[in-house]
Amino acid sequence: MNDRFTLERRLPRDFFDATLRADVLQGLAEPPRTLPPKWFYDERGSRLFEEITRLPEYYPTRAEQEILTRRAPDIARATRARSLVELGSGSSRKTRLLLDALTAAGTLQRYTPLDVSDSALTEAGEALGRDYPALRISAVVTDFEHDLALTDEPGPRLVAFLGGTLGNLDTDGRTAFYGALRRTLSADDTLLLGADLVKDPAVLVAAYDDSQGVTAAFDKNVLNVLNRELDAGFDPDAFDHLAVWNTAEERIEMRLRSRAQQQVPVKALDLTLDLEAGEEIRTEISVKFRREGLTAELDAAGFTVRHWWTDAAGRFALLLAVPSR
């Protein structure tokens, strides 16, 4: 292990079990039934999502990488960041473009990735430690939706929230996220935010319902997680995967639709779900944004957007915002 890599575990030992139980009781016990998308990402789900990012229909990863490739030097010059903090870092693959630019600018001292996955942080941290031997990597195992407290990173700090993950939060969730982030940032810190943009619904639906069925397998994998962790009795083949464009909310919704009337036991919770034929479980929302609306949303939360960049096709945006008050 590189001696410049540290791992801090902030989550209590029973965090995942307690949170999953609470989410299932709150979201599945009564219709309309929902689950948060965080439960997709066990080991198999993470592999499936990596496969999704390489599919021809799934443009967001390529579009964001295109922007980062072109704009990372601009981001480095604009922020002069001594610390890069990344929320939901995962494999930190795209982050290397920022690390390279900030290193070339001569400012970067520390990289602080935050993620719920101990193994992902360790794997990424060890690889980055080999490739950036002068960089201090201070990884934190935490859930940024519940714990967004930054620590002793040297400023100015660049906080990156990439991949369009912002869209997984509804309006109330985004408001809470902005508020928590604003309270932890100093005047010289900067937010780098990735946001998927409103576009042709046919393009959006295809990105979440690919022709090879990889996204369908990813969606249904959440049922395998419930079976394993809560001794549930879901049959993934008894559900169809749907990707639906919600026009009113301007968001994609991923859903699992029951093919027939069925009863599903969740033994660990002493719960039985009575599902009607055609009844749906919403497993993810992915809000798509417009520049005017997102800029106003950030302004109301105390952030001023200084830069707004898109890929050549205008599908995805990266923006730099600073605390405004």
C-alpha atoms as a PDB file:
ATOM      1  CA  MET A   1       0.000   0.000   0.000  1.00  0.00           C
ATOM      2  CA  ASN A   2       1.299   3.447  -0.950  1.00  0.00           C
ATOM      3  CA  ASP A   3       2.073   5.388   2.233  1.00  0.00           C
ATOM      4  CA  ARG A   4       0.461   8.465   0.674  1.00  0.00           C
ATOM      5  CA  PHE A   5      -2.914   6.680   0.494  1.00  0.00           C
ATOM      6  CA  THR A   6      -5.223   6.679   3.518  1.00  0.00           C
ATOM      7  CA  LEU A   7      -8.753   5.350   3.939  1.00  0.00           C
ATOM      8  CA  GLU A   8     -11.162   6.750   6.530  1.00  0.00           C
ATOM      9  CA  ARG A   9     -14.339   4.783   7.249  1.00  0.00           C
ATOM     10  CA  ARG A  10     -17.159   7.037   8.450  1.00  0.00           C
ATOM     11  CA  LEU A  11     -20.077   4.664   7.979  1.00  0.00           C
ATOM     12  CA  PRO A  12     -21.289   2.685  11.007  1.00  0.00           C
ATOM     13  CA  ARG A  13     -20.900  -1.087  10.775  1.00  0.00           C
ATOM     14  CA  ASP A  14     -24.626  -1.691  10.232  1.00  0.00           C
ATOM     15  CA  PHE A  15     -25.147   1.232   7.813  1.00  0.00           C
ATOM     16  CA  PHE A  16     -25.984  -0.758   4.682  1.00  0.00           C
ATOM     17  CA  ASP A  17     -28.281  -3.234   6.391  1.00  0.00           C
ATOM     18  CA  ALA A  18     -30.144  -0.555   8.350  1.00  0.00           C
ATOM     19  CA  THR A  19     -30.460   1.769   5.338  1.00  0.00           C
ATOM     20  CA  LEU A  20     -31.632  -0.990   2.991  1.00  0.00           C
ATOM     21  CA  ARG A  21     -34.257  -2.132   5.486  1.00  0.00           C
ATOM     22  CA  ALA A  22     -35.507   1.424   5.925  1.00  0.00           C
ATOM     23  CA  ASP A  23     -35.616   2.066   2.165  1.00  0.00           C
ATOM     24  CA  VAL A  24     -37.548  -1.138   1.483  1.00  0.00           C
ATOM     25  CA  LEU A  25     -40.058  -0.532   4.274  1.00  0.00           C
ATOM     26  CA  GLN A  26     -40.587   3.054   3.183  1.00  0.00           C
ATOM     27  CA  GLY A  27     -40.581   2.452  -0.557  1.00  0.00           C
ATOM     28  CA  LEU A  28     -42.061  -0.992  -1.191  1.00  0.00           C
ATOM     29  CA  ALA A  29     -44.548  -1.660   1.589  1.00  0.00           C
ATOM     30  CA  GLU A  30     -47.334   0.312  -0.124  1.00  0.00           C
ATOM     31  CA  PRO A  31     -47.945   1.592  -3.667  1.00  0.00           C
ATOM     32  CA  PRO A  32     -46.686   3.640  -5.406  1.00  0.00           C
ATOM     33  CA  ARG A  33     -43.581   1.491  -4.914  1.00  0.00           C
ATOM     34  CA  THR A  34     -40.079   2.932  -5.252  1.00  0.00           C
ATOM     35  CA  LEU A  35     -36.465   2.073  -4.497  1.00  0.00           C
ATOM     36  CA  PRO A  36     -33.469   4.441  -4.559  1.00  0.00           C
ATOM     37  CA  PRO A  37     -30.913   3.630  -7.282  1.00  0.00           C
ATOM     38  CA  LYS A  38     -28.028   3.200  -4.834  1.00  0.00           C
ATOM     39  CA  TRP A  39     -29.038  -0.450  -4.384  1.00  0.00           C
ATOM     40  CA  PHE A  40     -28.140  -1.303  -7.990  1.00  0.00           C
ATOM     41  CA  TYR A  41     -24.459  -1.206  -7.174  1.00  0.00           C
ATOM     42  CA  ASP A  42     -23.373  -4.473  -5.670  1.00  0.00           C
ATOM     43  CA  GLU A  43     -20.392  -6.153  -7.388  1.00  0.00           C
ATOM     44  CA  ARG A  44     -22.486  -7.471 -10.288  1.00  0.00           C
ATOM     45  CA  GLY A  45     -24.413  -4.222 -10.648  1.00  0.00           C
ATOM     46  CA  SER A  46     -21.207  -2.201 -10.779  1.00  0.00           C
ATOM     47  CA  ARG A  47     -19.855  -4.465 -13.538  1.00  0.00           C
ATOM     48  CA  LEU A  48     -23.101  -4.112 -15.496  1.00  0.00           C
ATOM     49  CA  PHE A  49     -23.008  -0.333 -15.190  1.00  0.00           C
ATOM     50  CA  GLU A  50     -19.439  -0.255 -16.509  1.00  0.00           C
ATOM     51  CA  GLU A  51     -20.727  -2.273 -19.462  1.00  0.00           C
ATOM     52  CA  ILE A  52     -23.597   0.200 -19.929  1.00  0.00           C
ATOM     53  CA  THR A  53     -21.148   3.111 -20.201  1.00  0.00           C
ATOM     54  CA  ARG A  54     -19.605   1.453 -23.257  1.00  0.00           C
ATOM     55  CA  LEU A  55     -22.896   0.839 -25.089  1.00  0.00           C
ATOM     56  CA  PRO A  56     -23.557   2.866 -28.271  1.00  0.00           C
ATOM     57  CA  GLU A  57     -26.883   4.149 -26.907  1.00  0.00           C
ATOM     58  CA  TYR A  58     -25.422   5.408 -23.628  1.00  0.00           C
ATOM     59  CA  TYR A  59     -23.940   8.780 -24.537  1.00  0.00           C
ATOM     60  CA  PRO A  60     -23.480  10.533 -21.115  1.00  0.00           C
ATOM     61  CA  THR A  61     -20.104   9.009 -20.219  1.00  0.00           C
ATOM     62  CA  ARG A  62     -18.585   9.743 -23.623  1.00  0.00           C
ATOM     63  CA  ALA A  63     -20.071  13.243 -23.747  1.00  0.00           C
ATOM     64  CA  GLU A  64     -18.745  14.163 -20.305  1.00  0.00           C
ATOM     65  CA  GLN A  65     -15.318  12.736 -21.131  1.00  0.00           C
ATOM     66  CA  GLU A  66     -15.267  14.811 -24.317  1.00  0.00           C
ATOM     67  CA  ILE A  67     -15.836  17.976 -22.281  1.00  0.00           C
ATOM     68  CA  LEU A  68     -13.264  17.045 -19.651  1.00  0.00           C
ATOM     69  CA  THR A  69     -10.659  16.238 -22.289  1.00  0.00           C
ATOM     70  CA  ARG A  70     -11.106  19.680 -23.816  1.00  0.00           C
ATOM     71  CA  ARG A  71     -11.734  21.749 -20.686  1.00  0.00           C
ATOM     72  CA  ALA A  72      -9.650  20.198 -17.886  1.00  0.00           C
ATOM     73  CA  PRO A  73      -6.807  22.716 -18.422  1.00  0.00           C
ATOM     74  CA  ASP A  74      -9.352  25.568 -18.247  1.00  0.00           C
ATOM     75  CA  ILE A  75     -10.752  24.111 -15.016  1.00  0.00           C
ATOM     76  CA  ALA A  76      -7.257  23.894 -13.542  1.00  0.00           C
ATOM     77  CA  ARG A  77      -6.487  27.511 -14.453  1.00  0.00           C
ATOM     78  CA  ALA A  78      -9.829  28.802 -13.163  1.00  0.00           C
ATOM     79  CA  THR A  79      -9.692  27.009  -9.809  1.00  0.00           C
ATOM     80  CA  ARG A  80      -5.965  26.751  -8.932  1.00  0.00           C
ATOM     81  CA  ALA A  81      -7.153  23.919  -6.692  1.00  0.00           C
ATOM     82  CA  ARG A  82      -4.788  22.435  -4.149  1.00  0.00           C
ATOM     83  CA  SER A  83      -7.346  19.744  -3.304  1.00  0.00           C
ATOM     84  CA  LEU A  84      -9.717  17.798  -5.550  1.00  0.00           C
ATOM     85  CA  VAL A  85     -12.694  16.316  -3.697  1.00  0.00           C
ATOM     86  CA  GLU A  86     -14.889  13.911  -5.674  1.00  0.00           C
ATOM     87  CA  LEU A  87     -18.356  12.846  -4.555  1.00  0.00           C
ATOM     88  CA  GLY A  88     -19.385   9.310  -5.535  1.00  0.00           C
ATOM     89  CA  SER A  89     -15.995   8.716  -7.111  1.00  0.00           C
ATOM     90  CA  GLY A  90     -16.342   5.007  -7.958  1.00  0.00           C
ATOM     91  CA  SER A  91     -13.401   3.928 -10.096  1.00  0.00           C
ATOM     92  CA  SER A  92     -12.079   7.532 -10.481  1.00  0.00           C
ATOM     93  CA  ARG A  93     -11.506   6.799 -14.178  1.00  0.00           C
ATOM     94  CA  LYS A  94     -12.564  10.153 -15.640  1.00  0.00           C
ATOM     95  CA  THR A  95     -10.962  11.936 -12.701  1.00  0.00           C
ATOM     96  CA  ARG A  96      -7.516  11.317 -14.158  1.00  0.00           C
ATOM     97  CA  LEU A  97      -8.159  14.079 -16.700  1.00  0.00           C
ATOM     98  CA  LEU A  98      -8.593  16.543 -13.825  1.00  0.00           C
ATOM     99  CA  LEU A  99      -5.650  15.118 -11.889  1.00  0.00           C
ATOM    100  CA  ASP A 100      -3.408  15.482 -14.936  1.00  0.00           C
ATOM    101  CA  ALA A 101      -4.489  19.076 -15.571  1.00  0.00           C
ATOM    102  CA  LEU A 102      -4.160  20.169 -11.940  1.00  0.00           C
ATOM    103  CA  THR A 103      -0.791  18.427 -11.648  1.00  0.00           C
ATOM    104  CA  ALA A 104       0.428  20.134 -14.816  1.00  0.00           C
ATOM    105  CA  ALA A 105      -0.727  23.469 -13.381  1.00  0.00           C
ATOM    106  CA  GLY A 106       1.451  22.804 -10.348  1.00  0.00           C
ATOM    107  CA  THR A 107      -1.238  23.346  -7.696  1.00  0.00           C
ATOM    108  CA  LEU A 108      -2.599  19.931  -6.732  1.00  0.00           C
ATOM    109  CA  GLN A 109      -1.571  18.410  -3.404  1.00  0.00           C
ATOM    110  CA  ARG A 110      -4.421  16.114  -2.387  1.00  0.00           C
ATOM    111  CA  TYR A 111      -7.200  14.020  -3.898  1.00  0.00           C
ATOM    112  CA  THR A 112     -10.109  13.121  -1.619  1.00  0.00           C
ATOM    113  CA  PRO A 113     -12.573  10.635  -3.162  1.00  0.00           C
ATOM    114  CA  LEU A 114     -15.838   9.979  -1.273  1.00  0.00           C
ATOM    115  CA  ASP A 115     -17.795   6.806  -1.973  1.00  0.00           C
ATOM    116  CA  VAL A 116     -19.839   4.163  -0.169  1.00  0.00           C
ATOM    117  CA  SER A 117     -17.692   1.362  -1.601  1.00  0.00           C
ATOM    118  CA  ASP A 118     -14.628   0.495   0.458  1.00  0.00           C
ATOM    119  CA  SER A 119     -13.319  -1.839  -2.270  1.00  0.00           C
ATOM    120  CA  ALA A 120     -13.756   0.710  -5.091  1.00  0.00           C
ATOM    121  CA  LEU A 121     -11.911   3.372  -3.110  1.00  0.00           C
ATOM    122  CA  THR A 122      -9.075   0.993  -2.215  1.00  0.00           C
ATOM    123  CA  GLU A 123      -8.654  -0.284  -5.768  1.00  0.00           C
ATOM    124  CA  ALA A 124      -8.751   3.215  -7.281  1.00  0.00           C
ATOM    125  CA  GLY A 125      -6.519   4.658  -4.549  1.00  0.00           C
ATOM    126  CA  GLU A 126      -3.813   2.045  -5.011  1.00  0.00           C
ATOM    127  CA  ALA A 127      -3.824   2.521  -8.804  1.00  0.00           C
ATOM    128  CA  LEU A 128      -3.702   6.308  -8.532  1.00  0.00           C
ATOM    129  CA  GLY A 129      -0.978   6.084  -5.909  1.00  0.00           C
ATOM    130  CA  ARG A 130       1.202   4.196  -8.377  1.00  0.00           C
ATOM    131  CA  ASP A 131       0.517   6.630 -11.217  1.00  0.00           C
ATOM    132  CA  TYR A 132       0.713   9.846  -9.169  1.00  0.00           C
ATOM    133  CA  PRO A 133       3.477   9.119  -6.644  1.00  0.00           C
ATOM    134  CA  ALA A 134       3.642  12.703  -5.320  1.00  0.00           C
ATOM    135  CA  LEU A 135      -0.112  12.963  -4.716  1.00  0.00           C
ATOM    136  CA  ARG A 136      -1.652  12.439  -1.294  1.00  0.00           C
ATOM    137  CA  ILE A 137      -4.890  10.428  -1.592  1.00  0.00           C
ATOM    138  CA  SER A 138      -7.242  10.636   1.388  1.00  0.00           C
ATOM    139  CA  ALA A 139     -10.226   8.394   0.602  1.00  0.00           C
ATOM    140  CA  VAL A 140     -13.387   8.501   2.702  1.00  0.00           C
ATOM    141  CA  VAL A 141     -16.009   5.737   2.918  1.00  0.00           C
ATOM    142  CA  THR A 142     -19.254   7.652   3.415  1.00  0.00           C
ATOM    143  CA  ASP A 143     -22.675   8.370   1.935  1.00  0.00           C
ATOM    144  CA  PHE A 144     -22.589  11.979   0.752  1.00  0.00           C
ATOM    145  CA  GLU A 145     -26.405  12.209   0.961  1.00  0.00           C
ATOM    146  CA  HIS A 146     -26.091  11.825   4.742  1.00  0.00           C
ATOM    147  CA  ASP A 147     -22.555  13.046   5.453  1.00  0.00           C
ATOM    148  CA  LEU A 148     -21.025  15.775   3.336  1.00  0.00           C
ATOM    149  CA  ALA A 149     -18.614  17.192   5.902  1.00  0.00           C
ATOM    150  CA  LEU A 150     -15.275  17.926   4.273  1.00  0.00           C
ATOM    151  CA  THR A 151     -12.238  17.768   6.526  1.00  0.00           C
ATOM    152  CA  ASP A 152      -8.789  19.332   6.451  1.00  0.00           C
ATOM    153  CA  GLU A 153      -8.142  19.446   2.707  1.00  0.00           C
ATOM    154  CA  PRO A 154      -5.895  22.384   1.802  1.00  0.00           C
ATOM    155  CA  GLY A 155      -7.696  25.098  -0.112  1.00  0.00           C
ATOM    156  CA  PRO A 156      -8.729  26.199  -2.525  1.00  0.00           C
ATOM    157  CA  ARG A 157     -10.750  23.030  -3.075  1.00  0.00           C
ATOM    158  CA  LEU A 158     -12.437  21.807  -6.241  1.00  0.00           C
ATOM    159  CA  VAL A 159     -15.458  19.622  -5.434  1.00  0.00           C
ATOM    160  CA  ALA A 160     -16.441  17.428  -8.390  1.00  0.00           C
ATOM    161  CA  PHE A 161     -19.840  15.770  -8.733  1.00  0.00           C
ATOM    162  CA  LEU A 162     -19.695  14.106 -12.129  1.00  0.00           C
ATOM    163  CA  GLY A 163     -21.612  11.631 -14.260  1.00  0.00           C
ATOM    164  CA  GLY A 164     -25.001  13.329 -14.099  1.00  0.00           C
ATOM    165  CA  THR A 165     -25.642  11.734 -10.690  1.00  0.00           C
ATOM    166  CA  LEU A 166     -27.316  15.007  -9.663  1.00  0.00           C
ATOM    167  CA  GLY A 167     -30.275  13.835 -11.754  1.00  0.00           C
ATOM    168  CA  ASN A 168     -30.912  10.918  -9.397  1.00  0.00           C
ATOM    169  CA  LEU A 169     -32.121  13.452  -6.826  1.00  0.00           C
ATOM    170  CA  ASP A 170     -35.593  14.966  -6.987  1.00  0.00           C
ATOM    171  CA  THR A 171     -36.163  18.675  -6.379  1.00  0.00           C
ATOM    172  CA  ASP A 172     -36.212  18.325  -2.596  1.00  0.00           C
ATOM    173  CA  GLY A 173     -33.167  16.065  -2.660  1.00  0.00           C
ATOM    174  CA  ARG A 174     -31.204  18.523  -4.783  1.00  0.00           C
ATOM    175  CA  THR A 175     -32.158  21.405  -2.508  1.00  0.00           C
ATOM    176  CA  ALA A 176     -30.913  19.472   0.525  1.00  0.00           C
ATOM    177  CA  PHE A 177     -27.714  18.509  -1.305  1.00  0.00           C
ATOM    178  CA  TYR A 178     -26.957  22.090  -2.356  1.00  0.00           C
ATOM    179  CA  GLY A 179     -27.592  23.326   1.174  1.00  0.00           C
ATOM    180  CA  ALA A 180     -25.288  20.773   2.777  1.00  0.00           C
ATOM    181  CA  LEU A 181     -22.577  21.468   0.216  1.00  0.00           C
ATOM    182  CA  ARG A 182     -22.877  25.237   0.515  1.00  0.00           C
ATOM    183  CA  ARG A 183     -22.444  25.021   4.281  1.00  0.00           C
ATOM    184  CA  THR A 184     -19.181  23.114   3.951  1.00  0.00           C
ATOM    185  CA  LEU A 185     -17.549  25.208   1.199  1.00  0.00           C
ATOM    186  CA  SER A 186     -15.337  28.240   1.699  1.00  0.00           C
ATOM    187  CA  ALA A 187     -15.357  31.372  -0.428  1.00  0.00           C
ATOM    188  CA  ASP A 188     -12.391  30.217  -2.546  1.00  0.00           C
ATOM    189  CA  ASP A 189     -13.772  26.724  -3.249  1.00  0.00           C
ATOM    190  CA  THR A 190     -15.403  25.704  -6.538  1.00  0.00           C
ATOM    191  CA  LEU A 191     -18.046  23.159  -7.555  1.00  0.00           C
ATOM    192  CA  LEU A 192     -17.644  21.188 -10.797  1.00  0.00           C
ATOM    193  CA  LEU A 193     -21.022  19.692 -11.659  1.00  0.00           C
ATOM    194  CA  GLY A 194     -22.031  17.290 -14.420  1.00  0.00           C
ATOM    195  CA  ALA A 195     -25.593  17.528 -15.742  1.00  0.00           C
ATOM    196  CA  ASP A 196     -27.381  15.632 -18.485  1.00  0.00           C
ATOM    197  CA  LEU A 197     -29.514  17.894 -20.669  1.00  0.00           C
ATOM    198  CA  VAL A 198     -33.068  17.691 -22.017  1.00  0.00           C
ATOM    199  CA  LYS A 199     -33.103  16.281 -25.538  1.00  0.00           C
ATOM    200  CA  ASP A 200     -35.133  14.082 -27.897  1.00  0.00           C
ATOM    201  CA  PRO A 201     -37.035  11.599 -25.674  1.00  0.00           C
ATOM    202  CA  ALA A 202     -36.244   8.785 -28.119  1.00  0.00           C
ATOM    203  CA  VAL A 203     -32.510   9.315 -27.517  1.00  0.00           C
ATOM    204  CA  LEU A 204     -33.060   9.402 -23.766  1.00  0.00           C
ATOM    205  CA  VAL A 205     -35.198   6.278 -23.631  1.00  0.00           C
ATOM    206  CA  ALA A 206     -32.714   4.337 -25.770  1.00  0.00           C
ATOM    207  CA  ALA A 207     -29.906   5.289 -23.362  1.00  0.00           C
ATOM    208  CA  TYR A 208     -31.820   3.617 -20.517  1.00  0.00           C
ATOM    209  CA  ASP A 209     -33.260   0.682 -22.486  1.00  0.00           C
ATOM    210  CA  ASP A 210     -30.495  -0.536 -24.789  1.00  0.00           C
ATOM    211  CA  SER A 211     -30.998  -3.058 -27.573  1.00  0.00           C
ATOM    212  CA  GLN A 212     -28.668  -5.621 -25.947  1.00  0.00           C
ATOM    213  CA  GLY A 213     -30.650  -5.737 -22.699  1.00  0.00           C
ATOM    214  CA  VAL A 214     -27.742  -4.752 -20.467  1.00  0.00           C
ATOM    215  CA  THR A 215     -29.722  -1.986 -18.753  1.00  0.00           C
ATOM    216  CA  ALA A 216     -32.613  -4.390 -18.207  1.00  0.00           C
ATOM    217  CA  ALA A 217     -30.238  -6.810 -16.448  1.00  0.00           C
ATOM    218  CA  PHE A 218     -28.848  -3.906 -14.406  1.00  0.00           C
ATOM    219  CA  ASP A 219     -32.354  -2.812 -13.374  1.00  0.00           C
ATOM    220  CA  LYS A 220     -33.448  -6.328 -12.410  1.00  0.00           C
ATOM    221  CA  ASN A 221     -30.245  -6.881 -10.441  1.00  0.00           C
ATOM    222  CA  VAL A 222     -31.714  -4.814  -7.605  1.00  0.00           C
ATOM    223  CA  LEU A 223     -34.125  -7.711  -7.036  1.00  0.00           C
ATOM    224  CA  ASN A 224     -31.157 -10.054  -6.640  1.00  0.00           C
ATOM    225  CA  VAL A 225     -29.756  -7.661  -4.025  1.00  0.00           C
ATOM    226  CA  LEU A 226     -33.033  -7.782  -2.077  1.00  0.00           C
ATOM    227  CA  ASN A 227     -33.153 -11.575  -2.337  1.00  0.00           C
ATOM    228  CA  ARG A 228     -29.637 -11.926  -0.989  1.00  0.00           C
ATOM    229  CA  GLU A 229     -29.658  -9.230   1.689  1.00  0.00           C
ATOM    230  CA  LEU A 230     -33.247  -9.490   2.959  1.00  0.00           C
ATOM    231  CA  ASP A 231     -34.114 -13.112   2.159  1.00  0.00           C
ATOM    232  CA  ALA A 232     -36.725 -11.922  -0.336  1.00  0.00           C
ATOM    233  CA  GLY A 233     -38.421 -14.063  -2.966  1.00  0.00           C
ATOM    234  CA  PHE A 234     -38.325 -11.932  -6.120  1.00  0.00           C
ATOM    235  CA  ASP A 235     -38.160 -13.715  -9.469  1.00  0.00           C
ATOM    236  CA  PRO A 236     -36.438 -11.233 -11.816  1.00  0.00           C
ATOM    237  CA  ASP A 237     -37.983 -13.029 -14.807  1.00  0.00           C
ATOM    238  CA  ALA A 238     -41.430 -12.095 -13.468  1.00  0.00           C
ATOM    239  CA  PHE A 239     -40.721  -8.417 -14.194  1.00  0.00           C
ATOM    240  CA  ASP A 240     -40.202  -6.346 -17.319  1.00  0.00           C
ATOM    241  CA  HIS A 241     -37.750  -3.447 -17.436  1.00  0.00           C
ATOM    242  CA  LEU A 242     -39.168  -0.118 -18.598  1.00  0.00           C
ATOM    243  CA  ALA A 243     -37.587   3.252 -19.337  1.00  0.00           C
ATOM    244  CA  VAL A 244     -40.196   6.020 -19.472  1.00  0.00           C
ATOM    245  CA  TRP A 245     -39.846   9.712 -20.300  1.00  0.00           C
ATOM    246  CA  ASN A 246     -41.850  11.729 -17.757  1.00  0.00           C
ATOM    247  CA  THR A 247     -42.635  14.861 -19.750  1.00  0.00           C
ATOM    248  CA  ALA A 248     -44.022  16.882 -16.849  1.00  0.00           C
ATOM    249  CA  GLU A 249     -40.955  16.297 -14.648  1.00  0.00           C
ATOM    250  CA  GLU A 250     -38.468  16.175 -17.559  1.00  0.00           C
ATOM    251  CA  ARG A 251     -36.871  13.013 -16.310  1.00  0.00           C
ATOM    252  CA  ILE A 252     -36.308   9.399 -17.272  1.00  0.00           C
ATOM    253  CA  GLU A 253     -37.840   6.873 -14.906  1.00  0.00           C
ATOM    254  CA  MET A 254     -36.657   3.281 -14.792  1.00  0.00           C
ATOM    255  CA  ARG A 255     -39.332   0.886 -13.621  1.00  0.00           C
ATOM    256  CA  LEU A 256     -39.867  -2.827 -13.091  1.00  0.00           C
ATOM    257  CA  ARG A 257     -43.358  -3.961 -14.121  1.00  0.00           C
ATOM    258  CA  SER A 258     -44.873  -7.107 -12.651  1.00  0.00           C
ATOM    259  CA  ARG A 259     -45.905  -9.482 -15.442  1.00  0.00           C
ATOM    260  CA  ALA A 260     -48.645 -11.089 -13.343  1.00  0.00           C
ATOM    261  CA  GLN A 261     -50.328 -10.844  -9.976  1.00  0.00           C
ATOM    262  CA  GLN A 262     -47.874 -12.164  -7.413  1.00  0.00           C
ATOM    263  CA  GLN A 263     -46.974 -12.268  -3.754  1.00  0.00           C
ATOM    264  CA  VAL A 264     -43.336 -11.649  -2.862  1.00  0.00           C
ATOM    265  CA  PRO A 265     -42.069 -12.432   0.645  1.00  0.00           C
ATOM    266  CA  VAL A 266     -39.357 -10.300   2.233  1.00  0.00           C
ATOM    267  CA  LYS A 267     -38.607 -12.582   5.144  1.00  0.00           C
ATOM    268  CA  ALA A 268     -36.047 -10.429   6.951  1.00  0.00           C
ATOM    269  CA  LEU A 269     -38.695  -7.722   7.323  1.00  0.00           C
ATOM    270  CA  ASP A 270     -41.642 -10.056   7.951  1.00  0.00           C
ATOM    271  CA  LEU A 271     -43.224  -8.410   4.917  1.00  0.00           C
ATOM    272  CA  THR A 272     -45.198  -9.753   1.954  1.00  0.00           C
ATOM    273  CA  LEU A 273     -45.716  -7.607  -1.134  1.00  0.00           C
ATOM    274  CA  ASP A 274     -48.999  -8.094  -2.989  1.00  0.00           C
ATOM    275  CA  LEU A 275     -48.297  -6.974  -6.535  1.00  0.00           C
ATOM    276  CA  GLU A 276     -50.971  -6.631  -9.179  1.00  0.00           C
ATOM    277  CA  ALA A 277     -50.362  -7.552 -12.803  1.00  0.00           C
ATOM    278  CA  GLY A 278     -48.886  -4.473 -14.430  1.00  0.00           C
ATOM    279  CA  GLU A 279     -47.949  -2.843 -11.126  1.00  0.00           C
ATOM    280  CA  GLU A 280     -44.626  -1.043 -11.239  1.00  0.00           C
ATOM    281  CA  ILE A 281     -41.677  -0.435  -8.934  1.00  0.00           C
ATOM    282  CA  ARG A 282     -39.817   2.754  -9.787  1.00  0.00           C
ATOM    283  CA  THR A 283     -36.105   2.035  -9.348  1.00  0.00           C
ATOM    284  CA  GLU A 284     -34.492   5.233 -10.615  1.00  0.00           C
ATOM    285  CA  ILE A 285     -35.189   8.781 -11.666  1.00  0.00           C
ATOM    286  CA  SER A 286     -32.727  10.630 -13.886  1.00  0.00           C
ATOM    287  CA  VAL A 287     -33.669  14.290 -14.181  1.00  0.00           C
ATOM    288  CA  LYS A 288     -32.535  16.106 -17.319  1.00  0.00           C
ATOM    289  CA  PHE A 289     -31.751  19.802 -17.103  1.00  0.00           C
ATOM    290  CA  ARG A 290     -31.996  23.032 -19.040  1.00  0.00           C
ATOM    291  CA  ARG A 291     -29.360  25.724 -18.599  1.00  0.00           C
ATOM    292  CA  GLU A 292     -31.726  28.440 -17.396  1.00  0.00           C
ATOM    293  CA  GLY A 293     -33.452  26.195 -14.862  1.00  0.00           C
ATOM    294  CA  LEU A 294     -30.299  24.657 -13.399  1.00  0.00           C
ATOM    295  CA  THR A 295     -28.546  28.024 -13.179  1.00  0.00           C
ATOM    296  CA  ALA A 296     -31.540  29.474 -11.321  1.00  0.00           C
ATOM    297  CA  GLU A 297     -31.688  26.444  -9.025  1.00  0.00           C
ATOM    298  CA  LEU A 298     -28.045  26.876  -8.086  1.00  0.00           C
ATOM    299  CA  ASP A 299     -28.428  30.620  -7.652  1.00  0.00           C
ATOM    300  CA  ALA A 300     -31.283  30.074  -5.181  1.00  0.00           C
ATOM    301  CA  ALA A 301     -28.993  27.721  -3.235  1.00  0.00           C
ATOM    302  CA  GLY A 302     -26.163  30.248  -3.014  1.00  0.00           C
ATOM    303  CA  PHE A 303     -24.014  29.330  -6.037  1.00  0.00           C
ATOM    304  CA  THR A 304     -23.054  31.453  -9.036  1.00  0.00           C
ATOM    305  CA  VAL A 305     -22.337  29.607 -12.285  1.00  0.00           C
ATOM    306  CA  ARG A 306     -19.099  30.974 -13.773  1.00  0.00           C
ATOM    307  CA  HIS A 307     -18.600  28.576 -16.685  1.00  0.00           C
ATOM    308  CA  TRP A 308     -20.960  26.307 -18.656  1.00  0.00           C
ATOM    309  CA  TRP A 309     -19.491  23.875 -21.176  1.00  0.00           C
ATOM    310  CA  THR A 310     -21.150  21.222 -23.340  1.00  0.00           C
ATOM    311  CA  ASP A 311     -19.970  18.533 -25.712  1.00  0.00           C
ATOM    312  CA  ALA A 312     -20.098  19.334 -29.417  1.00  0.00           C
ATOM    313  CA  ALA A 313     -23.562  17.807 -29.768  1.00  0.00           C
ATOM    314  CA  GLY A 314     -24.953  19.735 -26.775  1.00  0.00           C
ATOM    315  CA  ARG A 315     -26.039  16.576 -24.973  1.00  0.00           C
ATOM    316  CA  PHE A 316     -24.300  17.028 -21.628  1.00  0.00           C
ATOM    317  CA  ALA A 317     -22.996  19.960 -19.575  1.00  0.00           C
ATOM    318  CA  LEU A 318     -20.160  20.565 -17.156  1.00  0.00           C
ATOM    319  CA  LEU A 319     -20.393  23.736 -15.113  1.00  0.00           C
ATOM    320  CA  LEU A 320     -18.189  25.538 -12.635  1.00  0.00           C
ATOM    321  CA  ALA A 321     -19.990  27.309  -9.805  1.00  0.00           C
ATOM    322  CA  VAL A 322     -18.719  29.288  -6.823  1.00  0.00           C
ATOM    323  CA  PRO A 323     -20.340  30.250  -3.510  1.00  0.00           C
ATOM    324  CA  SER A 324     -22.161  33.536  -4.055  1.00  0.00           C
ATOM    325  CA  ARG A 325     -22.883  34.522  -0.469  1.00  0.00           C
END
